[in-house]
């Protein structure tokens, strides 16, 4: 199948996000016993967008920055290095106890020692994202966007960001932009706001063309009954997911594409990686295959990024899932949370299992 994309639009992909930095001990060490750390720019949404931006498609980021902050400058430099346009207000810090960019402190794990991630989001400037700070009629009506990708992480960050994401989805539909929504349910974000966020997520899903999520996302974000089939067998798991998606389609008939990854962890550095995709009435399944993992963070985002890239390129849906599987696997081989493909050929080599040296 193919989705209707407007070729006269300026941007292939637009993402709203809250940028932050990730601190990771070197050499796969635990946080509490380390005194040397690497710092990288991070956000789930720009992780997704990096696949398109590195492969030459025009990408735009909507975010907020702390005015005069060296971390904000670090983030701007990083986005520019990833070939991304960005815009957003400069928010005054408001003193030592005011706004800042989020910190993500992560032990990547090693072997039998699992990863541990500590999110330090107090005073996060991204929680102030407000639709009034952006000219959505210019962005969607004059510049034009082929796909806007919205994450449930941003939609649930604060009441302001919930409204922001909802208004972006509404504006996108008015102007012929496709809406991609990755639910990314987080219980800590939803605490005390369950009814409010269920309504927001349900409307965004109703406006979506592409819907991404696992069993927990659909059950807890949208109230969809979970899979009937269970067990450890991968075929039973896939059949159970297909049954559930059938119920999602009944509730959200406007959605054309459903996708999710399949992951089994052997140990920190050895995973079985697969994916499932429904495009129109066509199912595509990649049964889990072994991959070697340097750092798992960002693998799911890499998958979504490859999926959207395939859609933007107008490929057949079978190629969407193959490319997405490979960009997700690629993201787990680098220290940044985002993959940086050199070209499409590099990605297809991963899909084909060709790890031979290229000279």
Protein backbone atom coordinates (compact mmCIF):
# COMPACT_ATOMS: atom_id res chain seq x y z
CA UNK A 1 0.00 0.00 0.00
CA UNK A 2 1.00 3.65 -0.23
CA UNK A 3 0.00 6.69 1.79
CA UNK A 4 -0.87 9.98 0.15
CA UNK A 5 2.07 12.37 0.54
CA UNK A 6 2.13 15.95 -0.74
CA UNK A 7 5.32 16.44 -2.76
CA UNK A 8 5.11 20.25 -2.67
CA UNK A 9 5.72 20.42 1.10
CA UNK A 10 9.01 21.83 2.41
CA UNK A 11 9.57 19.30 5.19
CA UNK A 12 9.40 15.53 4.98
CA UNK A 13 9.16 15.09 8.73
CA UNK A 14 8.40 17.27 11.74
CA UNK A 15 8.79 16.26 15.40
CA UNK A 16 7.82 18.07 18.61
CA UNK A 17 10.25 17.25 21.39
CA UNK A 18 11.93 18.09 24.69
CA UNK A 19 15.69 17.92 24.24
CA UNK A 20 18.05 16.80 26.96
CA UNK A 21 21.44 15.24 27.53
CA UNK A 22 22.41 11.68 28.33
CA UNK A 23 25.33 10.86 30.62
CA UNK A 24 26.75 7.36 30.19
CA UNK A 25 29.78 5.83 31.95
CA UNK A 26 32.57 4.81 29.59
CA UNK A 27 33.39 1.16 28.95
CA UNK A 28 29.95 -0.13 29.93
CA UNK A 29 30.46 0.54 33.65
CA UNK A 30 27.74 1.14 36.28
CA UNK A 31 26.88 4.74 37.14
CA UNK A 32 27.56 4.48 40.87
CA UNK A 33 31.11 3.20 40.40
CA UNK A 34 32.20 5.51 37.57
CA UNK A 35 34.02 8.82 37.41
CA UNK A 36 34.20 9.21 33.61
CA UNK A 37 31.07 9.86 31.55
CA UNK A 38 30.20 10.64 27.94
CA UNK A 39 27.54 13.26 27.24
CA UNK A 40 25.22 13.03 24.24
CA UNK A 41 22.20 15.03 23.11
CA UNK A 42 19.04 12.97 23.28
CA UNK A 43 15.29 12.82 22.79
CA UNK A 44 13.16 9.94 21.55
CA UNK A 45 11.61 12.06 18.82
CA UNK A 46 14.87 13.35 17.32
CA UNK A 47 16.19 9.77 17.53
CA UNK A 48 13.34 8.88 15.17
CA UNK A 49 13.94 11.85 12.88
CA UNK A 50 17.67 11.17 12.54
CA UNK A 51 17.13 8.34 10.06
CA UNK A 52 15.48 10.73 7.61
CA UNK A 53 17.81 13.65 8.28
CA UNK A 54 21.01 11.64 7.81
CA UNK A 55 19.63 10.13 4.61
CA UNK A 56 18.94 13.53 3.08
CA UNK A 57 15.30 14.32 3.80
CA UNK A 58 14.39 17.75 5.26
CA UNK A 59 13.46 17.53 8.94
CA UNK A 60 12.18 20.14 11.37
CA UNK A 61 12.17 20.04 15.19
CA UNK A 62 9.82 22.04 17.42
CA UNK A 63 11.16 22.43 20.95
CA UNK A 64 12.06 24.89 23.72
CA UNK A 65 15.46 26.05 24.98
CA UNK A 66 16.72 27.60 28.19
CA UNK A 67 17.91 31.09 27.33
CA UNK A 68 21.67 31.58 27.71
CA UNK A 69 22.28 27.96 28.75
CA UNK A 70 25.48 26.27 27.52
CA UNK A 71 23.50 23.00 27.44
CA UNK A 72 20.98 24.66 25.12
CA UNK A 73 23.85 25.70 22.84
CA UNK A 74 25.21 22.15 22.94
CA UNK A 75 21.79 20.86 21.87
CA UNK A 76 21.44 23.40 19.05
CA UNK A 77 24.88 22.49 17.74
CA UNK A 78 23.94 18.82 17.83
CA UNK A 79 20.67 19.33 15.94
CA UNK A 80 22.50 21.36 13.29
CA UNK A 81 25.10 18.60 12.95
CA UNK A 82 22.25 16.17 12.28
CA UNK A 83 21.03 18.38 9.42
CA UNK A 84 17.84 19.35 11.26
CA UNK A 85 16.07 22.70 11.20
CA UNK A 86 14.68 23.72 14.57
CA UNK A 87 12.62 26.44 16.12
CA UNK A 88 11.25 27.23 19.54
CA UNK A 89 11.15 29.88 22.25
CA UNK A 90 14.06 30.81 24.52
CA UNK A 91 12.73 30.47 28.06
CA UNK A 92 14.54 32.44 30.81
CA UNK A 93 16.10 30.12 33.36
CA UNK A 94 14.55 32.01 36.27
CA UNK A 95 17.45 31.57 38.70
CA UNK A 96 19.32 28.52 40.00
CA UNK A 97 16.07 26.67 40.81
CA UNK A 98 14.34 27.50 37.52
CA UNK A 99 14.19 25.75 34.18
CA UNK A 100 16.78 23.43 32.67
CA UNK A 101 17.10 20.70 30.07
CA UNK A 102 16.47 17.15 31.27
CA UNK A 103 19.28 14.80 32.26
CA UNK A 104 19.20 11.09 31.44
CA UNK A 105 21.82 9.15 33.43
CA UNK A 106 22.22 5.68 32.01
CA UNK A 107 24.12 2.52 32.83
CA UNK A 108 24.09 0.64 29.50
CA UNK A 109 24.68 -2.65 31.27
CA UNK A 110 26.99 -5.43 30.15
CA UNK A 111 26.54 -9.18 29.76
CA UNK A 112 24.40 -10.39 32.65
CA UNK A 113 24.16 -6.93 34.30
CA UNK A 114 21.05 -5.26 32.94
CA UNK A 115 20.82 -1.57 31.98
CA UNK A 116 19.61 0.96 34.53
CA UNK A 117 18.32 4.39 33.48
CA UNK A 118 17.73 7.29 35.85
CA UNK A 119 15.69 10.19 34.47
CA UNK A 120 16.27 13.55 36.19
CA UNK A 121 13.55 15.80 34.73
CA UNK A 122 12.92 18.32 37.53
CA UNK A 123 12.42 21.79 36.08
CA UNK A 124 12.40 20.44 32.53
CA UNK A 125 11.95 23.31 30.08
CA UNK A 126 10.22 21.02 27.59
CA UNK A 127 7.19 20.89 29.89
CA UNK A 128 6.44 24.49 28.84
CA UNK A 129 5.86 23.61 25.16
CA UNK A 130 2.86 25.72 24.19
CA UNK A 131 0.97 25.89 20.92
CA UNK A 132 0.84 29.69 21.24
CA UNK A 133 4.63 29.84 20.77
CA UNK A 134 4.45 28.37 17.25
CA UNK A 135 2.81 29.62 14.07
CA UNK A 136 1.16 26.35 13.07
CA UNK A 137 -0.56 27.91 10.07
CA UNK A 138 2.83 28.93 8.69
CA UNK A 139 4.43 25.58 9.55
CA UNK A 140 1.69 23.40 8.03
CA UNK A 141 -0.04 25.80 5.65
CA UNK A 142 2.87 27.68 4.07
CA UNK A 143 6.00 25.58 4.64
CA UNK A 144 4.19 22.24 4.58
CA UNK A 145 5.00 18.93 6.30
CA UNK A 146 4.53 15.44 4.87
CA UNK A 147 4.48 13.59 8.23
CA UNK A 148 4.32 14.89 11.80
CA UNK A 149 5.54 12.32 14.32
CA UNK A 150 4.16 12.66 17.86
CA UNK A 151 5.32 10.69 20.87
CA UNK A 152 3.26 9.88 23.93
CA UNK A 153 6.28 10.92 25.98
CA UNK A 154 5.72 14.53 24.91
CA UNK A 155 1.93 14.28 24.92
CA UNK A 156 2.01 13.22 28.59
CA UNK A 157 4.80 15.50 29.82
CA UNK A 158 2.51 18.24 31.16
CA UNK A 159 -1.00 19.63 30.57
CA UNK A 160 0.60 22.24 28.27
CA UNK A 161 2.38 19.65 26.16
CA UNK A 162 -0.76 17.51 25.97
CA UNK A 163 -2.64 20.44 24.44
CA UNK A 164 0.36 21.24 22.25
CA UNK A 165 0.49 17.75 20.71
CA UNK A 166 -3.27 17.62 20.26
CA UNK A 167 -3.32 20.97 18.47
CA UNK A 168 -0.42 19.89 16.23
CA UNK A 169 -2.34 16.76 15.23
CA UNK A 170 -5.46 18.80 14.49
CA UNK A 171 -3.50 21.33 12.41
CA UNK A 172 -1.77 18.52 10.52
CA UNK A 173 -5.10 16.98 9.51
CA UNK A 174 -6.42 20.34 8.32
CA UNK A 175 -3.45 20.76 6.01
CA UNK A 176 -3.09 17.26 4.55
CA UNK A 177 -0.15 16.18 6.72
CA UNK A 178 0.02 12.54 7.79
CA UNK A 179 0.09 11.93 11.55
CA UNK A 180 2.32 9.28 13.13
CA UNK A 181 1.75 8.52 16.82
CA UNK A 182 4.00 6.36 19.00
CA UNK A 183 2.09 5.94 22.26
CA UNK A 184 5.09 5.35 24.56
CA UNK A 185 3.02 4.86 27.73
CA UNK A 186 4.83 5.74 30.97
CA UNK A 187 2.98 5.08 34.24
CA UNK A 188 4.88 7.79 36.11
CA UNK A 189 3.78 10.40 33.55
CA UNK A 190 0.13 9.33 33.79
CA UNK A 191 -0.18 9.25 37.57
CA UNK A 192 -3.11 11.44 38.65
CA UNK A 193 -3.96 12.38 35.04
CA UNK A 194 -5.39 9.08 33.75
CA UNK A 195 -8.79 10.31 32.52
CA UNK A 196 -7.34 13.49 31.00
CA UNK A 197 -4.58 11.67 29.14
CA UNK A 198 -6.84 8.83 27.98
CA UNK A 199 -9.01 11.47 26.25
CA UNK A 200 -5.98 13.20 24.69
CA UNK A 201 -4.37 9.97 23.49
CA UNK A 202 -7.67 8.70 22.10
CA UNK A 203 -8.17 11.85 20.02
CA UNK A 204 -4.59 11.85 18.72
CA UNK A 205 -5.00 8.17 17.77
CA UNK A 206 -8.26 9.01 15.99
CA UNK A 207 -6.38 11.62 13.91
CA UNK A 208 -3.45 9.29 13.17
CA UNK A 209 -2.53 7.58 9.93
CA UNK A 210 0.32 5.58 11.53
CA UNK A 211 -0.04 4.11 15.03
CA UNK A 212 2.83 2.49 16.93
CA UNK A 213 2.71 0.67 20.23
CA UNK A 214 3.03 -2.57 22.14
CA UNK A 215 0.38 -4.49 24.04
CA UNK A 216 0.79 -2.34 27.17
CA UNK A 217 0.48 0.89 25.15
CA UNK A 218 -2.82 -0.12 23.59
CA UNK A 219 -4.29 -1.40 26.83
CA UNK A 220 -3.18 1.42 29.15
CA UNK A 221 -3.16 4.39 26.76
CA UNK A 222 -6.28 3.61 24.73
CA UNK A 223 -8.20 1.06 26.81
CA UNK A 224 -8.06 -1.66 24.16
CA UNK A 225 -8.50 -5.23 25.37
CA UNK A 226 -5.17 -7.07 25.22
CA UNK A 227 -4.21 -10.19 23.26
CA UNK A 228 -6.28 -13.32 23.79
CA UNK A 229 -3.47 -15.66 22.73
CA UNK A 230 -0.51 -15.81 25.06
CA UNK A 231 2.39 -18.03 25.98
CA UNK A 232 6.07 -17.93 25.18
CA UNK A 233 5.85 -19.23 21.62
CA UNK A 234 6.61 -16.43 19.17
CA UNK A 235 3.84 -17.50 16.80
CA UNK A 236 1.31 -17.31 19.64
CA UNK A 237 2.59 -13.85 20.57
CA UNK A 238 2.28 -12.65 16.98
CA UNK A 239 -1.22 -14.06 16.62
CA UNK A 240 -2.24 -12.43 19.89
CA UNK A 241 -0.94 -9.08 18.68
CA UNK A 242 -2.82 -9.45 15.39
CA UNK A 243 -6.06 -10.13 17.27
CA UNK A 244 -5.59 -7.02 19.36
CA UNK A 245 -4.82 -4.83 16.34
CA UNK A 246 -8.09 -6.01 14.84
CA UNK A 247 -9.87 -4.48 17.83
CA UNK A 248 -7.83 -1.29 17.52
CA UNK A 249 -8.81 -0.97 13.84
CA UNK A 250 -12.48 -1.19 14.75
CA UNK A 251 -12.10 1.71 17.17
CA UNK A 252 -9.76 3.77 14.96
CA UNK A 253 -10.77 3.07 11.34
CA UNK A 254 -8.80 6.05 10.03
CA UNK A 255 -5.45 4.47 10.91
CA UNK A 256 -3.76 2.84 7.89
CA UNK A 257 -0.52 1.53 9.42
CA UNK A 258 0.15 -0.31 12.70
CA UNK A 259 3.65 -1.35 13.78
CA UNK A 260 5.59 -2.72 16.72
CA UNK A 261 8.93 -4.33 17.47
CA UNK A 262 9.47 -7.82 18.88
CA UNK A 263 12.39 -8.23 21.26
CA UNK A 264 13.75 -11.12 23.31
CA UNK A 265 16.74 -10.40 25.55
CA UNK A 266 19.26 -13.24 25.78
CA UNK A 267 21.69 -11.02 27.65
CA UNK A 268 22.53 -7.32 27.51
CA UNK A 269 24.62 -7.68 24.36
CA UNK A 270 22.63 -10.43 22.61
CA UNK A 271 19.03 -9.87 21.57
CA UNK A 272 16.55 -11.46 19.21
CA UNK A 273 15.06 -8.59 17.21
CA UNK A 274 11.89 -8.73 15.13
CA UNK A 275 8.93 -6.63 14.04
CA UNK A 276 5.32 -6.75 12.96
CA UNK A 277 3.50 -4.41 10.58
CA UNK A 278 -0.04 -4.05 9.29
CA UNK A 279 -0.27 -1.80 6.22
CA UNK A 280 -3.84 -1.56 4.98
CA UNK A 281 -4.92 -5.20 5.01
CA UNK A 282 -1.41 -6.61 4.53
CA UNK A 283 0.53 -8.16 7.40
CA UNK A 284 4.33 -8.23 7.33
CA UNK A 285 6.29 -10.05 10.03
CA UNK A 286 10.01 -10.27 10.68
CA UNK A 287 10.47 -13.10 13.13
CA UNK A 288 13.14 -12.31 15.75
CA UNK A 289 16.71 -12.66 14.49
CA UNK A 290 19.92 -12.44 16.57
CA UNK A 291 21.60 -9.04 16.83
CA UNK A 292 24.65 -7.94 18.81
CA UNK A 293 23.92 -4.95 21.05
CA UNK A 294 26.36 -2.28 22.21
CA UNK A 295 23.65 -0.12 23.81
CA UNK A 296 19.94 -0.94 23.47
CA UNK A 297 18.64 2.59 24.14
CA UNK A 298 17.20 4.04 20.94
CA UNK A 299 16.59 0.77 19.10
CA UNK A 300 12.82 1.24 19.08
CA UNK A 301 13.20 4.84 17.94
CA UNK A 302 15.51 3.69 15.15
CA UNK A 303 12.84 1.23 14.03
CA UNK A 304 10.19 3.96 13.87
CA UNK A 305 12.61 6.24 12.03
CA UNK A 306 13.26 3.61 9.37
CA UNK A 307 9.54 2.90 9.03
CA UNK A 308 8.74 6.58 8.42
CA UNK A 309 11.65 6.90 6.00
CA UNK A 310 10.33 4.00 3.91
CA UNK A 311 6.88 5.58 3.85
CA UNK A 312 8.33 8.96 2.87
CA UNK A 313 10.29 7.34 0.05
CA UNK A 314 7.09 5.77 -1.32
CA UNK A 315 8.35 2.18 -1.12
CA UNK A 316 6.18 -0.92 -0.98
CA UNK A 317 5.16 -1.75 2.59
CA UNK A 318 7.24 -4.94 2.72
CA UNK A 319 10.36 -2.77 2.39
CA UNK A 320 9.18 -0.46 5.20
CA UNK A 321 9.48 -3.17 7.83
CA UNK A 322 12.75 -4.54 6.47
CA UNK A 323 14.40 -1.12 6.47
CA UNK A 324 12.91 -0.30 9.91
CA UNK A 325 14.19 -3.57 11.37
CA UNK A 326 17.67 -2.73 10.09
CA UNK A 327 17.74 0.90 11.30
CA UNK A 328 16.54 -0.28 14.72
CA UNK A 329 19.33 -2.86 14.82
CA UNK A 330 21.80 -0.21 13.66
CA UNK A 331 20.86 2.12 16.53
CA UNK A 332 21.89 -0.54 19.05
CA UNK A 333 25.44 -0.62 17.63
CA UNK A 334 26.32 3.01 18.45
CA UNK A 335 26.88 4.99 21.65
CA UNK A 336 24.45 7.75 20.69
CA UNK A 337 20.74 7.05 21.14
CA UNK A 338 20.23 7.59 17.41
CA UNK A 339 21.51 5.80 14.33
CA UNK A 340 23.56 7.77 11.82
CA UNK A 341 23.30 5.81 8.56
CA UNK A 342 25.90 6.72 5.98
CA UNK A 343 23.57 5.75 3.13
CA UNK A 344 20.73 3.36 2.32
CA UNK A 345 23.17 0.68 1.21
CA UNK A 346 24.62 0.47 4.72
CA UNK A 347 21.14 -0.15 6.12
CA UNK A 348 20.26 -2.78 3.54
CA UNK A 349 23.53 -4.59 4.30
CA UNK A 350 22.38 -4.93 7.90
CA UNK A 351 19.05 -6.36 6.76
CA UNK A 352 20.84 -8.84 4.48
CA UNK A 353 23.21 -9.92 7.27
CA UNK A 354 26.22 -8.71 5.31
CA UNK A 355 28.82 -7.53 7.82
CA UNK A 356 31.79 -7.94 5.51
CA UNK A 357 34.28 -5.10 5.22
CA UNK A 358 33.61 -2.63 2.42
CA UNK A 359 36.63 -1.08 0.74
